Amino acid sequence: MSQNIHSLAVLNLGKNKLEGSIPQAYPNGCALNVIELAKNRLQGPVSRSLANCTMLEYLNLGHNQILDGFPSWLSELTNLKVIILKSNNFHGPIKPPQSQFNFSNLHVMDLSDNSFNGELPSKLLQSFHAMKVVAAQDQLEYLNTSANIPWSLYSLEGYFDYAMKLMNKGIEREYPKVPYALMVIDLSKNKFEGCIPNVIGDLTSLLLLNVLNNILTGSIVVSLAYLTSLESLDLSRNKPSGKIPQQLAQLTFLSSFNVSHNQLLGPIPQGSQFNTFAIDSFAMNGGHTEVLCQKNAPQLGITYHSHHLARKKSAKSLHLTWIGHLC
């Protein structure tokens, strides 16, 4: 393979039964744009020889048995747009390389369902420069790569569309084509702890943010309100406390919001999209059952009891009231 890989643009070996380690077979001058190795039985660490693939734009190693720390050296590959490492045995904190992270062209980072720990990596987030520029969503552009396809004595210019599955609004969605404007960070089902860093608010073109099922604490940062393109935000099954910032009601594109199973208290933001979210989005907070409520709420509205749920919905606003405790 190493003899032919100089001219190979797409390597797609996904959904097979490949075993063993990723070979150290990627030479200097490797021309690969796409490496698709998902859904195999690969083990061991990520091959450092991938650093020779300086043209690489798409890397999918998801759903294997890879055992490694975060391969921070991948940031040397500055053309990367998609990194999918989900459902492996990656572990440990995410630390920058000797130089700073440089994922300046990244659109999709999916590290879900691993054992990463430590604080959410603010330096990693700061390097996502493409996510800081709001892309025009009305443009019908898709992420793909051009490739020379050998055919007899001739070479044809073709396009390989990126395809992937991502969690979107609580369900796994298949993307046979990936819109250029799609910007995704999925850090769910790990062991990240500490606070959500304020730098997250710099990623103004982010559409999907998922940190479900970690050990995050502190308050929900107001800087999330700067994510004006955000469509889906899942902070559920962590340990943040305090109130949901009223400023999040400014997120007019937000159509999926989940802060259930946390330790939040106080009023739910009113107006805009927050009037449309199901009560399940706020369930099981305060350390026992639901104690989120509308400020100065009357006894009517949506009322929770430890053994009984009485649901009445106002036409104008959403109220959550804990029986025996009025916020």
C-alpha atoms as a PDB file:
ATOM      1  CA  MET A   1       0.000   0.000   0.000  1.00  0.00           C
ATOM      2  CA  SER A   2       2.788   2.423   0.862  1.00  0.00           C
ATOM      3  CA  GLN A   3       4.044   2.316  -2.766  1.00  0.00           C
ATOM      4  CA  ASN A   4       0.664   3.365  -4.186  1.00  0.00           C
ATOM      5  CA  ILE A   5      -0.447   5.723  -1.446  1.00  0.00           C
ATOM      6  CA  HIS A   6       1.466   8.661  -2.931  1.00  0.00           C
ATOM      7  CA  SER A   7      -1.271   8.998  -5.570  1.00  0.00           C
ATOM      8  CA  LEU A   8      -4.221   7.656  -3.543  1.00  0.00           C
ATOM      9  CA  ALA A   9      -6.705  10.330  -2.419  1.00  0.00           C
ATOM     10  CA  VAL A  10      -9.408   8.253  -0.703  1.00  0.00           C
ATOM     11  CA  LEU A  11      -8.908   5.236   1.570  1.00  0.00           C
ATOM     12  CA  ASN A  12     -12.275   3.763   2.558  1.00  0.00           C
ATOM     13  CA  LEU A  13     -12.064   0.494   4.498  1.00  0.00           C
ATOM     14  CA  GLY A  14     -14.929   1.165   6.880  1.00  0.00           C
ATOM     15  CA  LYS A  15     -17.504  -1.434   7.970  1.00  0.00           C
ATOM     16  CA  ASN A  16     -15.229  -4.444   7.626  1.00  0.00           C
ATOM     17  CA  LYS A  17     -13.685  -6.810  10.144  1.00  0.00           C
ATOM     18  CA  LEU A  18     -10.147  -5.441  10.122  1.00  0.00           C
ATOM     19  CA  GLU A  19      -8.155  -6.291  13.253  1.00  0.00           C
ATOM     20  CA  GLY A  20      -4.844  -5.323  14.784  1.00  0.00           C
ATOM     21  CA  SER A  21      -3.207  -1.912  14.850  1.00  0.00           C
ATOM     22  CA  ILE A  22      -3.316   0.830  12.249  1.00  0.00           C
ATOM     23  CA  PRO A  23      -0.080   0.181  10.326  1.00  0.00           C
ATOM     24  CA  GLN A  24       2.842   2.582  10.303  1.00  0.00           C
ATOM     25  CA  ALA A  25       2.529   2.637   6.540  1.00  0.00           C
ATOM     26  CA  TYR A  26       1.798   6.240   5.630  1.00  0.00           C
ATOM     27  CA  PRO A  27       4.964   7.613   3.996  1.00  0.00           C
ATOM     28  CA  ASN A  28       6.230  11.129   3.485  1.00  0.00           C
ATOM     29  CA  GLY A  29       4.321  12.671   0.615  1.00  0.00           C
ATOM     30  CA  CYS A  30       1.151  10.725   1.385  1.00  0.00           C
ATOM     31  CA  ALA A  31      -1.607  12.309  -0.739  1.00  0.00           C
ATOM     32  CA  LEU A  32      -4.638  10.979   1.136  1.00  0.00           C
ATOM     33  CA  ASN A  33      -7.527  13.413   1.611  1.00  0.00           C
ATOM     34  CA  VAL A  34      -9.897  10.886   3.221  1.00  0.00           C
ATOM     35  CA  ILE A  35      -9.272   8.012   5.659  1.00  0.00           C
ATOM     36  CA  GLU A  36     -12.385   6.032   6.587  1.00  0.00           C
ATOM     37  CA  LEU A  37     -11.677   3.140   8.993  1.00  0.00           C
ATOM     38  CA  ALA A  38     -14.819   3.228  11.129  1.00  0.00           C
ATOM     39  CA  LYS A  39     -16.642   0.129  12.377  1.00  0.00           C
ATOM     40  CA  ASN A  40     -13.784  -2.335  12.358  1.00  0.00           C
ATOM     41  CA  ARG A  41     -11.939  -4.067  15.204  1.00  0.00           C
ATOM     42  CA  LEU A  42      -8.794  -1.966  15.176  1.00  0.00           C
ATOM     43  CA  GLN A  43      -6.767  -1.802  18.385  1.00  0.00           C
ATOM     44  CA  GLY A  44      -3.621  -0.164  19.691  1.00  0.00           C
ATOM     45  CA  PRO A  45      -2.724   3.522  19.316  1.00  0.00           C
ATOM     46  CA  VAL A  46      -3.330   5.827  16.366  1.00  0.00           C
ATOM     47  CA  SER A  47      -0.469   5.456  13.910  1.00  0.00           C
ATOM     48  CA  ARG A  48       1.894   8.429  14.118  1.00  0.00           C
ATOM     49  CA  SER A  49       2.673   7.970  10.430  1.00  0.00           C
ATOM     50  CA  LEU A  50      -0.692   9.626   9.710  1.00  0.00           C
ATOM     51  CA  ALA A  51       1.154  12.890  10.378  1.00  0.00           C
ATOM     52  CA  ASN A  52       2.702  12.393   6.935  1.00  0.00           C
ATOM     53  CA  CYS A  53      -0.721  12.790   5.325  1.00  0.00           C
ATOM     54  CA  THR A  54      -0.504  16.551   5.132  1.00  0.00           C
ATOM     55  CA  MET A  55      -3.423  16.763   2.668  1.00  0.00           C
ATOM     56  CA  LEU A  56      -5.804  14.906   5.001  1.00  0.00           C
ATOM     57  CA  GLU A  57      -9.235  16.516   5.413  1.00  0.00           C
ATOM     58  CA  TYR A  58     -11.402  13.694   6.777  1.00  0.00           C
ATOM     59  CA  LEU A  59     -10.447  11.124   9.434  1.00  0.00           C
ATOM     60  CA  ASN A  60     -12.984   8.657  10.810  1.00  0.00           C
ATOM     61  CA  LEU A  61     -11.726   6.051  13.298  1.00  0.00           C
ATOM     62  CA  GLY A  62     -15.037   5.683  15.115  1.00  0.00           C
ATOM     63  CA  HIS A  63     -16.434   2.421  16.500  1.00  0.00           C
ATOM     64  CA  ASN A  64     -13.187   0.530  16.923  1.00  0.00           C
ATOM     65  CA  GLN A  65     -11.198  -0.602  19.967  1.00  0.00           C
ATOM     66  CA  ILE A  66      -8.366   1.910  19.705  1.00  0.00           C
ATOM     67  CA  LEU A  67      -6.525   2.433  23.004  1.00  0.00           C
ATOM     68  CA  ASP A  68      -4.694   5.743  23.120  1.00  0.00           C
ATOM     69  CA  GLY A  69      -4.602   9.230  24.565  1.00  0.00           C
ATOM     70  CA  PHE A  70      -5.835  12.131  22.484  1.00  0.00           C
ATOM     71  CA  PRO A  71      -3.594  12.331  19.378  1.00  0.00           C
ATOM     72  CA  SER A  72      -2.784  16.018  19.745  1.00  0.00           C
ATOM     73  CA  TRP A  73      -0.225  15.765  16.939  1.00  0.00           C
ATOM     74  CA  LEU A  74      -3.159  15.612  14.504  1.00  0.00           C
ATOM     75  CA  SER A  75      -3.259  19.408  14.749  1.00  0.00           C
ATOM     76  CA  GLU A  76      -0.190  19.397  12.488  1.00  0.00           C
ATOM     77  CA  LEU A  77      -2.640  18.417   9.742  1.00  0.00           C
ATOM     78  CA  THR A  78      -4.096  21.857   9.248  1.00  0.00           C
ATOM     79  CA  ASN A  79      -6.405  20.823   6.386  1.00  0.00           C
ATOM     80  CA  LEU A  80      -8.484  18.567   8.645  1.00  0.00           C
ATOM     81  CA  LYS A  81     -12.196  19.376   8.509  1.00  0.00           C
ATOM     82  CA  VAL A  82     -13.610  16.245  10.157  1.00  0.00           C
ATOM     83  CA  ILE A  83     -12.227  14.213  13.081  1.00  0.00           C
ATOM     84  CA  ILE A  84     -14.360  11.331  14.377  1.00  0.00           C
ATOM     85  CA  LEU A  85     -12.880   9.253  17.203  1.00  0.00           C
ATOM     86  CA  LYS A  86     -16.129   8.211  18.885  1.00  0.00           C
ATOM     87  CA  SER A  87     -16.808   4.850  20.534  1.00  0.00           C
ATOM     88  CA  ASN A  88     -13.250   3.747  21.195  1.00  0.00           C
ATOM     89  CA  ASN A  89     -11.027   3.435  24.260  1.00  0.00           C
ATOM     90  CA  PHE A  90      -9.399   6.869  24.106  1.00  0.00           C
ATOM     91  CA  HIS A  91      -8.608   8.125  27.582  1.00  0.00           C
ATOM     92  CA  GLY A  92      -6.922  10.772  29.710  1.00  0.00           C
ATOM     93  CA  PRO A  93      -6.905  14.575  29.560  1.00  0.00           C
ATOM     94  CA  ILE A  94      -6.632  16.470  26.285  1.00  0.00           C
ATOM     95  CA  LYS A  95      -3.350  18.333  26.344  1.00  0.00           C
ATOM     96  CA  PRO A  96      -1.877  20.526  23.609  1.00  0.00           C
ATOM     97  CA  PRO A  97       1.243  19.433  21.741  1.00  0.00           C
ATOM     98  CA  GLN A  98       4.530  21.245  22.264  1.00  0.00           C
ATOM     99  CA  SER A  99       3.203  23.885  19.929  1.00  0.00           C
ATOM    100  CA  GLN A 100      -0.369  25.102  20.234  1.00  0.00           C
ATOM    101  CA  PHE A 101      -3.364  23.289  18.792  1.00  0.00           C
ATOM    102  CA  ASN A 102      -4.082  24.307  15.220  1.00  0.00           C
ATOM    103  CA  PHE A 103      -7.374  22.830  14.046  1.00  0.00           C
ATOM    104  CA  SER A 104      -8.133  25.986  12.121  1.00  0.00           C
ATOM    105  CA  ASN A 105     -10.286  24.372   9.401  1.00  0.00           C
ATOM    106  CA  LEU A 106     -12.231  21.934  11.564  1.00  0.00           C
ATOM    107  CA  HIS A 107     -15.994  21.607  11.057  1.00  0.00           C
ATOM    108  CA  VAL A 108     -16.722  18.407  12.986  1.00  0.00           C
ATOM    109  CA  MET A 109     -15.048  17.089  16.154  1.00  0.00           C
ATOM    110  CA  ASP A 110     -16.707  13.955  17.559  1.00  0.00           C
ATOM    111  CA  LEU A 111     -14.948  12.469  20.605  1.00  0.00           C
ATOM    112  CA  SER A 112     -18.079  10.944  22.152  1.00  0.00           C
ATOM    113  CA  ASP A 113     -18.285   7.659  24.033  1.00  0.00           C
ATOM    114  CA  ASN A 114     -14.688   7.405  25.221  1.00  0.00           C
ATOM    115  CA  SER A 115     -12.924   7.872  28.566  1.00  0.00           C
ATOM    116  CA  PHE A 116     -11.413  11.334  28.158  1.00  0.00           C
ATOM    117  CA  ASN A 117     -11.160  13.188  31.468  1.00  0.00           C
ATOM    118  CA  GLY A 118      -9.900  16.423  33.004  1.00  0.00           C
ATOM    119  CA  GLU A 119     -11.273  19.851  32.234  1.00  0.00           C
ATOM    120  CA  LEU A 120     -12.899  20.701  28.937  1.00  0.00           C
ATOM    121  CA  PRO A 121      -9.943  21.677  26.729  1.00  0.00           C
ATOM    122  CA  SER A 122     -10.284  25.437  26.248  1.00  0.00           C
ATOM    123  CA  LYS A 123      -7.063  25.622  24.190  1.00  0.00           C
ATOM    124  CA  LEU A 124      -8.468  23.018  21.831  1.00  0.00           C
ATOM    125  CA  LEU A 125     -11.700  24.987  21.428  1.00  0.00           C
ATOM    126  CA  GLN A 126      -9.774  28.207  20.812  1.00  0.00           C
ATOM    127  CA  SER A 127      -8.068  26.614  17.804  1.00  0.00           C
ATOM    128  CA  PHE A 128     -11.358  25.954  15.948  1.00  0.00           C
ATOM    129  CA  HIS A 129     -11.087  29.094  13.836  1.00  0.00           C
ATOM    130  CA  ALA A 130     -13.523  27.958  11.123  1.00  0.00           C
ATOM    131  CA  MET A 131     -16.222  27.771  13.792  1.00  0.00           C
ATOM    132  CA  LYS A 132     -15.711  31.443  14.584  1.00  0.00           C
ATOM    133  CA  VAL A 133     -16.900  32.585  11.148  1.00  0.00           C
ATOM    134  CA  VAL A 134     -20.615  32.350  10.461  1.00  0.00           C
ATOM    135  CA  ALA A 135     -21.148  30.532   7.166  1.00  0.00           C
ATOM    136  CA  ALA A 136     -24.085  31.380   4.919  1.00  0.00           C
ATOM    137  CA  GLN A 137     -26.512  28.489   5.430  1.00  0.00           C
ATOM    138  CA  ASP A 138     -28.445  29.245   2.263  1.00  0.00           C
ATOM    139  CA  GLN A 139     -25.529  28.082   0.137  1.00  0.00           C
ATOM    140  CA  LEU A 140     -25.941  24.499  -1.095  1.00  0.00           C
ATOM    141  CA  GLU A 141     -22.299  23.581  -0.581  1.00  0.00           C
ATOM    142  CA  TYR A 142     -21.186  20.269   0.845  1.00  0.00           C
ATOM    143  CA  LEU A 143     -17.963  19.006   2.349  1.00  0.00           C
ATOM    144  CA  ASN A 144     -16.186  16.880  -0.230  1.00  0.00           C
ATOM    145  CA  THR A 145     -12.816  16.322  -1.762  1.00  0.00           C
ATOM    146  CA  SER A 146     -11.745  16.181  -5.366  1.00  0.00           C
ATOM    147  CA  ALA A 147      -9.858  13.087  -6.448  1.00  0.00           C
ATOM    148  CA  ASN A 148      -8.145  11.881  -9.576  1.00  0.00           C
ATOM    149  CA  ILE A 149      -9.687   8.509 -10.425  1.00  0.00           C
ATOM    150  CA  PRO A 150      -7.488   6.309 -12.697  1.00  0.00           C
ATOM    151  CA  TRP A 151      -9.476   4.878 -15.608  1.00  0.00           C
ATOM    152  CA  SER A 152      -7.590   2.900 -18.242  1.00  0.00           C
ATOM    153  CA  LEU A 153      -5.047   5.290 -19.754  1.00  0.00           C
ATOM    154  CA  TYR A 154      -6.855   8.378 -18.541  1.00  0.00           C
ATOM    155  CA  SER A 155      -7.508  10.128 -15.247  1.00  0.00           C
ATOM    156  CA  LEU A 156     -10.943  11.408 -14.334  1.00  0.00           C
ATOM    157  CA  GLU A 157     -11.587  14.224 -11.896  1.00  0.00           C
ATOM    158  CA  GLY A 158     -14.226  13.128  -9.381  1.00  0.00           C
ATOM    159  CA  TYR A 159     -15.644  14.175  -6.031  1.00  0.00           C
ATOM    160  CA  PHE A 160     -15.950  12.145  -2.841  1.00  0.00           C
ATOM    161  CA  ASP A 161     -18.703  13.431  -0.570  1.00  0.00           C
ATOM    162  CA  TYR A 162     -18.075  13.149   3.142  1.00  0.00           C
ATOM    163  CA  ALA A 163     -20.688  10.956   4.806  1.00  0.00           C
ATOM    164  CA  MET A 164     -21.140  10.327   8.531  1.00  0.00           C
ATOM    165  CA  LYS A 165     -23.538   9.723  11.383  1.00  0.00           C
ATOM    166  CA  LEU A 166     -23.838  12.361  14.096  1.00  0.00           C
ATOM    167  CA  MET A 167     -26.008  12.856  17.152  1.00  0.00           C
ATOM    168  CA  ASN A 168     -28.437  15.641  16.358  1.00  0.00           C
ATOM    169  CA  LYS A 169     -31.228  16.679  18.723  1.00  0.00           C
ATOM    170  CA  GLY A 170     -30.985  13.496  20.738  1.00  0.00           C
ATOM    171  CA  ILE A 171     -31.032  11.014  17.867  1.00  0.00           C
ATOM    172  CA  GLU A 172     -28.344   9.635  15.597  1.00  0.00           C
ATOM    173  CA  ARG A 173     -28.772  11.119  12.162  1.00  0.00           C
ATOM    174  CA  GLU A 174     -27.123   9.949   8.977  1.00  0.00           C
ATOM    175  CA  TYR A 175     -25.597  12.582   6.707  1.00  0.00           C
ATOM    176  CA  PRO A 176     -25.012  11.121   3.219  1.00  0.00           C
ATOM    177  CA  LYS A 177     -23.818  14.622   2.391  1.00  0.00           C
ATOM    178  CA  VAL A 178     -22.499  17.090   4.953  1.00  0.00           C
ATOM    179  CA  PRO A 179     -23.461  20.752   4.489  1.00  0.00           C
ATOM    180  CA  TYR A 180     -20.495  23.071   4.519  1.00  0.00           C
ATOM    181  CA  ALA A 181     -22.216  25.156   7.208  1.00  0.00           C
ATOM    182  CA  LEU A 182     -22.518  22.191   9.604  1.00  0.00           C
ATOM    183  CA  MET A 183     -20.287  22.847  12.637  1.00  0.00           C
ATOM    184  CA  VAL A 184     -20.361  20.197  15.361  1.00  0.00           C
ATOM    185  CA  ILE A 185     -18.664  19.489  18.705  1.00  0.00           C
ATOM    186  CA  ASP A 186     -19.661  16.244  20.438  1.00  0.00           C
ATOM    187  CA  LEU A 187     -17.845  15.498  23.715  1.00  0.00           C
ATOM    188  CA  SER A 188     -20.649  13.433  25.232  1.00  0.00           C
ATOM    189  CA  LYS A 189     -20.266  10.244  27.276  1.00  0.00           C
ATOM    190  CA  ASN A 190     -16.805  10.945  28.634  1.00  0.00           C
ATOM    191  CA  LYS A 191     -15.483  11.943  32.054  1.00  0.00           C
ATOM    192  CA  PHE A 192     -14.832  15.639  31.524  1.00  0.00           C
ATOM    193  CA  GLU A 193     -15.144  17.730  34.676  1.00  0.00           C
ATOM    194  CA  GLY A 194     -14.994  21.325  35.818  1.00  0.00           C
ATOM    195  CA  CYS A 195     -16.745  24.283  34.225  1.00  0.00           C
ATOM    196  CA  ILE A 196     -17.745  24.938  30.644  1.00  0.00           C
ATOM    197  CA  PRO A 197     -15.070  27.418  29.483  1.00  0.00           C
ATOM    198  CA  ASN A 198     -16.176  30.893  28.451  1.00  0.00           C
ATOM    199  CA  VAL A 199     -14.236  30.574  25.176  1.00  0.00           C
ATOM    200  CA  ILE A 200     -17.049  28.375  23.878  1.00  0.00           C
ATOM    201  CA  GLY A 201     -18.870  31.624  23.097  1.00  0.00           C
ATOM    202  CA  ASP A 202     -16.291  32.470  20.417  1.00  0.00           C
ATOM    203  CA  LEU A 203     -17.514  29.616  18.194  1.00  0.00           C
ATOM    204  CA  THR A 204     -20.358  31.654  16.734  1.00  0.00           C
ATOM    205  CA  SER A 205     -21.045  29.337  13.777  1.00  0.00           C
ATOM    206  CA  LEU A 206     -21.470  26.224  15.941  1.00  0.00           C
ATOM    207  CA  LEU A 207     -24.729  24.390  15.157  1.00  0.00           C
ATOM    208  CA  LEU A 208     -24.583  21.323  17.424  1.00  0.00           C
ATOM    209  CA  LEU A 209     -22.997  21.157  20.889  1.00  0.00           C
ATOM    210  CA  ASN A 210     -23.289  17.977  22.950  1.00  0.00           C
ATOM    211  CA  VAL A 211     -21.622  17.435  26.338  1.00  0.00           C
ATOM    212  CA  LEU A 212     -24.193  14.941  27.642  1.00  0.00           C
ATOM    213  CA  ASN A 213     -23.158  12.535  30.399  1.00  0.00           C
ATOM    214  CA  ASN A 214     -19.935  14.003  31.786  1.00  0.00           C
ATOM    215  CA  ILE A 215     -19.111  15.369  35.263  1.00  0.00           C
ATOM    216  CA  LEU A 216     -19.305  19.091  34.481  1.00  0.00           C
ATOM    217  CA  THR A 217     -19.938  21.476  37.378  1.00  0.00           C
ATOM    218  CA  GLY A 218     -20.225  25.222  37.937  1.00  0.00           C
ATOM    219  CA  SER A 219     -22.801  27.405  36.272  1.00  0.00           C
ATOM    220  CA  ILE A 220     -24.058  27.449  32.708  1.00  0.00           C
ATOM    221  CA  VAL A 221     -21.934  30.163  31.135  1.00  0.00           C
ATOM    222  CA  VAL A 222     -23.645  33.227  29.672  1.00  0.00           C
ATOM    223  CA  SER A 223     -21.224  33.140  26.725  1.00  0.00           C
ATOM    224  CA  LEU A 224     -23.332  30.315  25.237  1.00  0.00           C
ATOM    225  CA  ALA A 225     -25.740  33.088  24.234  1.00  0.00           C
ATOM    226  CA  TYR A 226     -23.176  34.233  21.650  1.00  0.00           C
ATOM    227  CA  LEU A 227     -23.666  30.992  19.692  1.00  0.00           C
ATOM    228  CA  THR A 228     -26.281  32.643  17.517  1.00  0.00           C
ATOM    229  CA  SER A 229     -26.381  29.788  14.964  1.00  0.00           C
ATOM    230  CA  LEU A 230     -26.847  27.059  17.572  1.00  0.00           C
ATOM    231  CA  GLU A 231     -29.657  24.591  16.820  1.00  0.00           C
ATOM    232  CA  SER A 232     -29.033  21.869  19.413  1.00  0.00           C
ATOM    233  CA  LEU A 233     -27.556  22.119  22.935  1.00  0.00           C
ATOM    234  CA  ASP A 234     -27.372  19.090  25.245  1.00  0.00           C
ATOM    235  CA  LEU A 235     -25.948  19.670  28.737  1.00  0.00           C
ATOM    236  CA  SER A 236     -27.912  16.853  30.388  1.00  0.00           C
ATOM    237  CA  ARG A 237     -26.611  14.349  32.949  1.00  0.00           C
ATOM    238  CA  ASN A 238     -23.872  16.537  34.398  1.00  0.00           C
ATOM    239  CA  LYS A 239     -23.669  18.505  37.646  1.00  0.00           C
ATOM    240  CA  PRO A 240     -23.986  22.200  36.807  1.00  0.00           C
ATOM    241  CA  SER A 241     -25.838  24.319  39.360  1.00  0.00           C
ATOM    242  CA  GLY A 242     -27.491  27.710  39.541  1.00  0.00           C
ATOM    243  CA  LYS A 243     -29.879  29.219  37.016  1.00  0.00           C
ATOM    244  CA  ILE A 244     -30.252  28.889  33.282  1.00  0.00           C
ATOM    245  CA  PRO A 245     -29.105  32.273  31.923  1.00  0.00           C
ATOM    246  CA  GLN A 246     -32.000  34.325  30.573  1.00  0.00           C
ATOM    247  CA  GLN A 247     -29.699  35.393  27.730  1.00  0.00           C
ATOM    248  CA  LEU A 248     -30.072  31.927  26.154  1.00  0.00           C
ATOM    249  CA  ALA A 249     -33.558  32.984  25.078  1.00  0.00           C
ATOM    250  CA  GLN A 250     -31.768  35.045  22.402  1.00  0.00           C
ATOM    251  CA  LEU A 251     -30.857  31.838  20.543  1.00  0.00           C
ATOM    252  CA  THR A 252     -33.625  31.998  17.971  1.00  0.00           C
ATOM    253  CA  PHE A 253     -32.420  28.956  15.978  1.00  0.00           C
ATOM    254  CA  LEU A 254     -32.286  26.693  19.035  1.00  0.00           C
ATOM    255  CA  SER A 255     -34.760  23.856  18.438  1.00  0.00           C
ATOM    256  CA  SER A 256     -33.392  21.228  20.828  1.00  0.00           C
ATOM    257  CA  PHE A 257     -32.349  21.987  24.421  1.00  0.00           C
ATOM    258  CA  ASN A 258     -31.714  19.518  27.237  1.00  0.00           C
ATOM    259  CA  VAL A 259     -30.525  20.313  30.765  1.00  0.00           C
ATOM    260  CA  SER A 260     -32.221  17.390  32.504  1.00  0.00           C
ATOM    261  CA  HIS A 261     -30.557  15.403  35.297  1.00  0.00           C
ATOM    262  CA  ASN A 262     -28.482  18.274  36.662  1.00  0.00           C
ATOM    263  CA  GLN A 263     -28.578  20.442  39.787  1.00  0.00           C
ATOM    264  CA  LEU A 264     -30.200  23.560  38.367  1.00  0.00           C
ATOM    265  CA  LEU A 265     -32.594  25.844  40.224  1.00  0.00           C
ATOM    266  CA  GLY A 266     -34.641  28.934  39.538  1.00  0.00           C
ATOM    267  CA  PRO A 267     -36.622  30.292  36.610  1.00  0.00           C
ATOM    268  CA  ILE A 268     -36.635  28.938  33.095  1.00  0.00           C
ATOM    269  CA  PRO A 269     -35.843  31.653  30.511  1.00  0.00           C
ATOM    270  CA  GLN A 270     -38.968  33.007  28.878  1.00  0.00           C
ATOM    271  CA  GLY A 271     -39.642  33.888  25.273  1.00  0.00           C
ATOM    272  CA  SER A 272     -38.493  32.673  21.884  1.00  0.00           C
ATOM    273  CA  GLN A 273     -37.655  28.986  21.607  1.00  0.00           C
ATOM    274  CA  PHE A 274     -37.882  28.257  25.338  1.00  0.00           C
ATOM    275  CA  ASN A 275     -41.668  28.358  25.129  1.00  0.00           C
ATOM    276  CA  THR A 276     -41.560  25.362  22.790  1.00  0.00           C
ATOM    277  CA  PHE A 277     -39.312  22.922  24.686  1.00  0.00           C
ATOM    278  CA  ALA A 278     -40.874  19.847  26.284  1.00  0.00           C
ATOM    279  CA  ILE A 279     -40.817  19.631  30.072  1.00  0.00           C
ATOM    280  CA  ASP A 280     -38.542  16.588  29.781  1.00  0.00           C
ATOM    281  CA  SER A 281     -35.788  19.017  28.779  1.00  0.00           C
ATOM    282  CA  PHE A 282     -35.708  20.321  32.370  1.00  0.00           C
ATOM    283  CA  ALA A 283     -36.529  17.135  34.316  1.00  0.00           C
ATOM    284  CA  MET A 284     -34.688  15.784  37.367  1.00  0.00           C
ATOM    285  CA  ASN A 285     -32.861  18.843  38.638  1.00  0.00           C
ATOM    286  CA  GLY A 286     -31.926  20.127  42.087  1.00  0.00           C
ATOM    287  CA  GLY A 287     -30.594  16.819  43.335  1.00  0.00           C
ATOM    288  CA  HIS A 288     -33.949  15.102  43.838  1.00  0.00           C
ATOM    289  CA  THR A 289     -36.747  15.901  41.383  1.00  0.00           C
ATOM    290  CA  GLU A 290     -37.712  18.954  39.371  1.00  0.00           C
ATOM    291  CA  VAL A 291     -37.346  22.279  41.140  1.00  0.00           C
ATOM    292  CA  LEU A 292     -36.980  24.542  38.137  1.00  0.00           C
ATOM    293  CA  CYS A 293     -39.801  27.052  38.119  1.00  0.00           C
ATOM    294  CA  GLN A 294     -41.039  30.233  36.586  1.00  0.00           C
ATOM    295  CA  LYS A 295     -40.185  33.334  38.620  1.00  0.00           C
ATOM    296  CA  ASN A 296     -43.190  34.495  40.678  1.00  0.00           C
ATOM    297  CA  ALA A 297     -45.168  31.601  39.216  1.00  0.00           C
ATOM    298  CA  PRO A 298     -48.673  30.916  40.421  1.00  0.00           C
ATOM    299  CA  GLN A 299     -49.692  27.447  41.522  1.00  0.00           C
ATOM    300  CA  LEU A 300     -51.122  26.811  38.067  1.00  0.00           C
ATOM    301  CA  GLY A 301     -48.933  25.933  35.106  1.00  0.00           C
ATOM    302  CA  ILE A 302     -46.980  22.679  35.038  1.00  0.00           C
ATOM    303  CA  THR A 303     -46.795  21.217  38.518  1.00  0.00           C
ATOM    304  CA  TYR A 304     -44.527  18.413  39.698  1.00  0.00           C
ATOM    305  CA  HIS A 305     -45.138  16.211  42.701  1.00  0.00           C
ATOM    306  CA  SER A 306     -42.917  13.408  43.958  1.00  0.00           C
ATOM    307  CA  HIS A 307     -45.506  10.806  42.939  1.00  0.00           C
ATOM    308  CA  HIS A 308     -47.837  12.706  40.675  1.00  0.00           C
ATOM    309  CA  LEU A 309     -47.482  14.970  37.664  1.00  0.00           C
ATOM    310  CA  ALA A 310     -50.273  17.393  36.916  1.00  0.00           C
ATOM    311  CA  ARG A 311     -49.723  19.143  33.621  1.00  0.00           C
ATOM    312  CA  LYS A 312     -51.454  22.338  32.615  1.00  0.00           C
ATOM    313  CA  LYS A 313     -49.968  24.512  29.952  1.00  0.00           C
ATOM    314  CA  SER A 314     -50.551  28.238  29.729  1.00  0.00           C
ATOM    315  CA  ALA A 315     -51.070  29.652  26.264  1.00  0.00           C
ATOM    316  CA  LYS A 316     -48.550  32.403  26.902  1.00  0.00           C
ATOM    317  CA  SER A 317     -45.795  30.933  29.039  1.00  0.00           C
ATOM    318  CA  LEU A 318     -44.360  27.816  30.591  1.00  0.00           C
ATOM    319  CA  HIS A 319     -44.406  27.404  34.374  1.00  0.00           C
ATOM    320  CA  LEU A 320     -42.749  24.720  36.469  1.00  0.00           C
ATOM    321  CA  THR A 321     -43.713  24.695  40.140  1.00  0.00           C
ATOM    322  CA  TRP A 322     -42.594  22.346  42.890  1.00  0.00           C
ATOM    323  CA  ILE A 323     -45.478  21.575  45.258  1.00  0.00           C
ATOM    324  CA  GLY A 324     -44.636  23.018  48.654  1.00  0.00           C
ATOM    325  CA  HIS A 325     -41.868  25.179  47.242  1.00  0.00           C
ATOM    326  CA  LEU A 326     -42.505  28.289  45.171  1.00  0.00           C
ATOM    327  CA  CYS A 327     -39.428  29.849  43.562  1.00  0.00           C
END
